[in-house]
Amino acid sequence: MSKLLFEEETYKVIGACMTVHKNLGSGFLESVYEEALRRELKKEEIPFETQKKLKVFYDGSELSKYFIADFVCYEKIILEIKSVSFLNKNLESQVINYLKATNKEVGLLINFGEKSLKWKRFVNTTHS
């Protein structure tokens, strides 16, 4: 059985998100969860950048447009957080597009807005 790509790192990031959700519950604005998660990632010594500009590439060339990811952890995992009643396909597409356009390999979509923390893991299968 093969291991998941960046398995240990994603496990730690999701664990930090679970801790934040356990302490705050649902119902807060995304900005509250972002601040709490910054503190938890620091506490857990998970390297991260927040509100990270991500370069977008097309046909091998950098475009002038860019995405801003909520977090990039370990310099390789895009982390998008939400506080909504449920995750929909548009939110999933956002993470998938971030991965494709930036050529990153792994993305996490985390939703703090539900009674239980919900998360989805995405892998860029077109990564070169």
C-alpha atoms as a PDB file:
ATOM      1  CA  MET A   1       0.000   0.000   0.000  1.00  0.00           C
ATOM      2  CA  SER A   2       1.473   3.347  -1.006  1.00  0.00           C
ATOM      3  CA  LYS A   3       1.711   6.312   1.327  1.00  0.00           C
ATOM      4  CA  LEU A   4      -0.184   9.522   0.711  1.00  0.00           C
ATOM      5  CA  LEU A   5       1.809  12.435  -0.640  1.00  0.00           C
ATOM      6  CA  PHE A   6       2.942  14.623   2.295  1.00  0.00           C
ATOM      7  CA  GLU A   7       0.966  12.356   4.631  1.00  0.00           C
ATOM      8  CA  GLU A   8       2.678  13.383   7.873  1.00  0.00           C
ATOM      9  CA  GLU A   9       2.508  17.090   7.059  1.00  0.00           C
ATOM     10  CA  THR A  10      -1.182  17.055   6.092  1.00  0.00           C
ATOM     11  CA  TYR A  11      -1.971  15.010   9.200  1.00  0.00           C
ATOM     12  CA  LYS A  12      -0.354  17.691  11.392  1.00  0.00           C
ATOM     13  CA  VAL A  13      -2.128  20.554   9.606  1.00  0.00           C
ATOM     14  CA  ILE A  14      -5.531  18.850   9.869  1.00  0.00           C
ATOM     15  CA  GLY A  15      -4.819  18.128  13.541  1.00  0.00           C
ATOM     16  CA  ALA A  16      -4.182  21.832  14.167  1.00  0.00           C
ATOM     17  CA  CYS A  17      -7.463  22.665  12.417  1.00  0.00           C
ATOM     18  CA  MET A  18      -9.276  20.111  14.577  1.00  0.00           C
ATOM     19  CA  THR A  19      -7.861  21.729  17.714  1.00  0.00           C
ATOM     20  CA  VAL A  20      -9.082  25.156  16.599  1.00  0.00           C
ATOM     21  CA  HIS A  21     -12.546  23.799  15.792  1.00  0.00           C
ATOM     22  CA  LYS A  22     -12.722  21.909  19.077  1.00  0.00           C
ATOM     23  CA  ASN A  23     -11.932  25.107  20.995  1.00  0.00           C
ATOM     24  CA  LEU A  24     -14.073  27.546  19.010  1.00  0.00           C
ATOM     25  CA  GLY A  25     -16.840  25.395  17.533  1.00  0.00           C
ATOM     26  CA  SER A  26     -18.719  26.652  14.489  1.00  0.00           C
ATOM     27  CA  GLY A  27     -20.323  30.024  13.845  1.00  0.00           C
ATOM     28  CA  PHE A  28     -17.405  32.451  13.738  1.00  0.00           C
ATOM     29  CA  LEU A  29     -16.210  34.435  10.743  1.00  0.00           C
ATOM     30  CA  GLU A  30     -13.412  32.979   8.644  1.00  0.00           C
ATOM     31  CA  SER A  31     -11.059  35.710   9.895  1.00  0.00           C
ATOM     32  CA  VAL A  32     -11.458  34.441  13.484  1.00  0.00           C
ATOM     33  CA  TYR A  33     -10.509  30.912  12.459  1.00  0.00           C
ATOM     34  CA  GLU A  34      -7.586  32.257  10.429  1.00  0.00           C
ATOM     35  CA  GLU A  35      -6.153  34.089  13.431  1.00  0.00           C
ATOM     36  CA  ALA A  36      -6.700  31.134  15.762  1.00  0.00           C
ATOM     37  CA  LEU A  37      -5.145  28.759  13.220  1.00  0.00           C
ATOM     38  CA  ARG A  38      -2.074  30.985  12.867  1.00  0.00           C
ATOM     39  CA  ARG A  39      -1.570  30.655  16.620  1.00  0.00           C
ATOM     40  CA  GLU A  40      -2.124  26.897  16.581  1.00  0.00           C
ATOM     41  CA  LEU A  41       0.250  26.322  13.649  1.00  0.00           C
ATOM     42  CA  LYS A  42       2.934  28.317  15.491  1.00  0.00           C
ATOM     43  CA  LYS A  43       2.321  26.366  18.682  1.00  0.00           C
ATOM     44  CA  GLU A  44       2.630  23.070  16.795  1.00  0.00           C
ATOM     45  CA  GLU A  45       5.768  24.348  15.009  1.00  0.00           C
ATOM     46  CA  ILE A  46       4.227  23.882  11.579  1.00  0.00           C
ATOM     47  CA  PRO A  47       5.951  26.211   9.106  1.00  0.00           C
ATOM     48  CA  PHE A  48       3.466  28.396   7.253  1.00  0.00           C
ATOM     49  CA  GLU A  49       2.889  31.610   5.375  1.00  0.00           C
ATOM     50  CA  THR A  50      -0.458  33.356   5.472  1.00  0.00           C
ATOM     51  CA  GLN A  51      -2.192  35.355   2.729  1.00  0.00           C
ATOM     52  CA  LYS A  52       0.493  34.025   0.393  1.00  0.00           C
ATOM     53  CA  LYS A  53       0.563  35.311  -3.175  1.00  0.00           C
ATOM     54  CA  LEU A  54       0.727  32.358  -5.533  1.00  0.00           C
ATOM     55  CA  LYS A  55       2.144  32.862  -8.991  1.00  0.00           C
ATOM     56  CA  VAL A  56      -0.060  31.577 -11.805  1.00  0.00           C
ATOM     57  CA  PHE A  57       1.425  29.941 -14.862  1.00  0.00           C
ATOM     58  CA  TYR A  58       0.002  29.351 -18.315  1.00  0.00           C
ATOM     59  CA  ASP A  59       1.773  27.391 -21.011  1.00  0.00           C
ATOM     60  CA  GLY A  60       4.987  27.490 -19.012  1.00  0.00           C
ATOM     61  CA  SER A  61       4.986  31.266 -18.512  1.00  0.00           C
ATOM     62  CA  GLU A  62       4.108  33.319 -15.444  1.00  0.00           C
ATOM     63  CA  LEU A  63       0.979  35.463 -15.731  1.00  0.00           C
ATOM     64  CA  SER A  64       0.595  38.882 -14.121  1.00  0.00           C
ATOM     65  CA  LYS A  65      -2.458  37.604 -12.212  1.00  0.00           C
ATOM     66  CA  TYR A  66      -2.023  35.683  -8.983  1.00  0.00           C
ATOM     67  CA  PHE A  67      -4.017  33.867  -6.329  1.00  0.00           C
ATOM     68  CA  ILE A  68      -3.858  34.571  -2.612  1.00  0.00           C
ATOM     69  CA  ALA A  69      -3.945  31.411  -0.525  1.00  0.00           C
ATOM     70  CA  ASP A  70      -5.106  31.565   3.073  1.00  0.00           C
ATOM     71  CA  PHE A  71      -2.061  29.507   4.081  1.00  0.00           C
ATOM     72  CA  VAL A  72       0.824  27.645   2.504  1.00  0.00           C
ATOM     73  CA  CYS A  73       2.218  25.108   4.964  1.00  0.00           C
ATOM     74  CA  TYR A  74       5.631  23.464   4.687  1.00  0.00           C
ATOM     75  CA  GLU A  75       6.148  25.547   1.500  1.00  0.00           C
ATOM     76  CA  LYS A  76       4.175  22.916  -0.422  1.00  0.00           C
ATOM     77  CA  ILE A  77       0.614  22.481   0.884  1.00  0.00           C
ATOM     78  CA  ILE A  78      -2.053  25.018  -0.062  1.00  0.00           C
ATOM     79  CA  LEU A  79      -4.554  25.416   2.772  1.00  0.00           C
ATOM     80  CA  GLU A  80      -7.855  27.173   2.118  1.00  0.00           C
ATOM     81  CA  ILE A  81     -10.156  27.698   5.065  1.00  0.00           C
ATOM     82  CA  LYS A  82     -13.872  28.452   4.999  1.00  0.00           C
ATOM     83  CA  SER A  83     -16.655  29.086   7.473  1.00  0.00           C
ATOM     84  CA  VAL A  84     -19.749  28.094   5.520  1.00  0.00           C
ATOM     85  CA  SER A  85     -22.764  25.847   6.099  1.00  0.00           C
ATOM     86  CA  PHE A  86     -21.357  23.226   3.686  1.00  0.00           C
ATOM     87  CA  LEU A  87     -18.558  22.727   1.166  1.00  0.00           C
ATOM     88  CA  ASN A  88     -19.742  22.967  -2.420  1.00  0.00           C
ATOM     89  CA  LYS A  89     -18.177  22.203  -5.789  1.00  0.00           C
ATOM     90  CA  ASN A  90     -17.212  25.855  -6.370  1.00  0.00           C
ATOM     91  CA  LEU A  91     -15.069  25.876  -3.228  1.00  0.00           C
ATOM     92  CA  GLU A  92     -13.502  22.576  -4.236  1.00  0.00           C
ATOM     93  CA  SER A  93     -12.809  23.979  -7.710  1.00  0.00           C
ATOM     94  CA  GLN A  94     -11.030  26.949  -6.121  1.00  0.00           C
ATOM     95  CA  VAL A  95      -8.465  24.648  -4.490  1.00  0.00           C
ATOM     96  CA  ILE A  96      -8.125  22.476  -7.583  1.00  0.00           C
ATOM     97  CA  ASN A  97      -7.522  25.569  -9.730  1.00  0.00           C
ATOM     98  CA  TYR A  98      -4.926  26.857  -7.253  1.00  0.00           C
ATOM     99  CA  LEU A  99      -3.082  23.548  -7.551  1.00  0.00           C
ATOM    100  CA  LYS A 100      -3.211  23.427 -11.344  1.00  0.00           C
ATOM    101  CA  ALA A 101      -2.248  27.053 -11.888  1.00  0.00           C
ATOM    102  CA  THR A 102       0.618  27.065  -9.386  1.00  0.00           C
ATOM    103  CA  ASN A 103       1.870  23.518 -10.010  1.00  0.00           C
ATOM    104  CA  LYS A 104       1.682  22.726  -6.266  1.00  0.00           C
ATOM    105  CA  GLU A 105       0.971  19.100  -5.451  1.00  0.00           C
ATOM    106  CA  VAL A 106      -1.369  19.053  -2.420  1.00  0.00           C
ATOM    107  CA  GLY A 107      -4.233  21.251  -1.284  1.00  0.00           C
ATOM    108  CA  LEU A 108      -6.510  21.118   1.752  1.00  0.00           C
ATOM    109  CA  LEU A 109      -9.962  22.669   1.968  1.00  0.00           C
ATOM    110  CA  ILE A 110     -11.101  23.046   5.571  1.00  0.00           C
ATOM    111  CA  ASN A 111     -14.577  24.108   6.697  1.00  0.00           C
ATOM    112  CA  PHE A 112     -14.981  25.419  10.229  1.00  0.00           C
ATOM    113  CA  GLY A 113     -18.622  26.367   9.637  1.00  0.00           C
ATOM    114  CA  GLU A 114     -20.230  23.000  10.327  1.00  0.00           C
ATOM    115  CA  LYS A 115     -20.915  21.311  13.645  1.00  0.00           C
ATOM    116  CA  SER A 116     -18.016  18.927  12.958  1.00  0.00           C
ATOM    117  CA  LEU A 117     -14.879  20.047  11.140  1.00  0.00           C
ATOM    118  CA  LYS A 118     -15.029  19.050   7.475  1.00  0.00           C
ATOM    119  CA  TRP A 119     -11.991  18.778   5.254  1.00  0.00           C
ATOM    120  CA  LYS A 120     -11.040  17.578   1.792  1.00  0.00           C
ATOM    121  CA  ARG A 121      -7.616  16.750   0.469  1.00  0.00           C
ATOM    122  CA  PHE A 122      -6.726  17.327  -3.174  1.00  0.00           C
ATOM    123  CA  VAL A 123      -3.741  16.119  -5.192  1.00  0.00           C
ATOM    124  CA  ASN A 124      -2.617  17.737  -8.408  1.00  0.00           C
ATOM    125  CA  THR A 125      -2.419  14.752 -10.730  1.00  0.00           C
ATOM    126  CA  THR A 126      -1.051  16.924 -13.546  1.00  0.00           C
ATOM    127  CA  HIS A 127       1.980  17.981 -11.486  1.00  0.00           C
ATOM    128  CA  SER A 128       5.123  17.785 -13.602  1.00  0.00           C
END
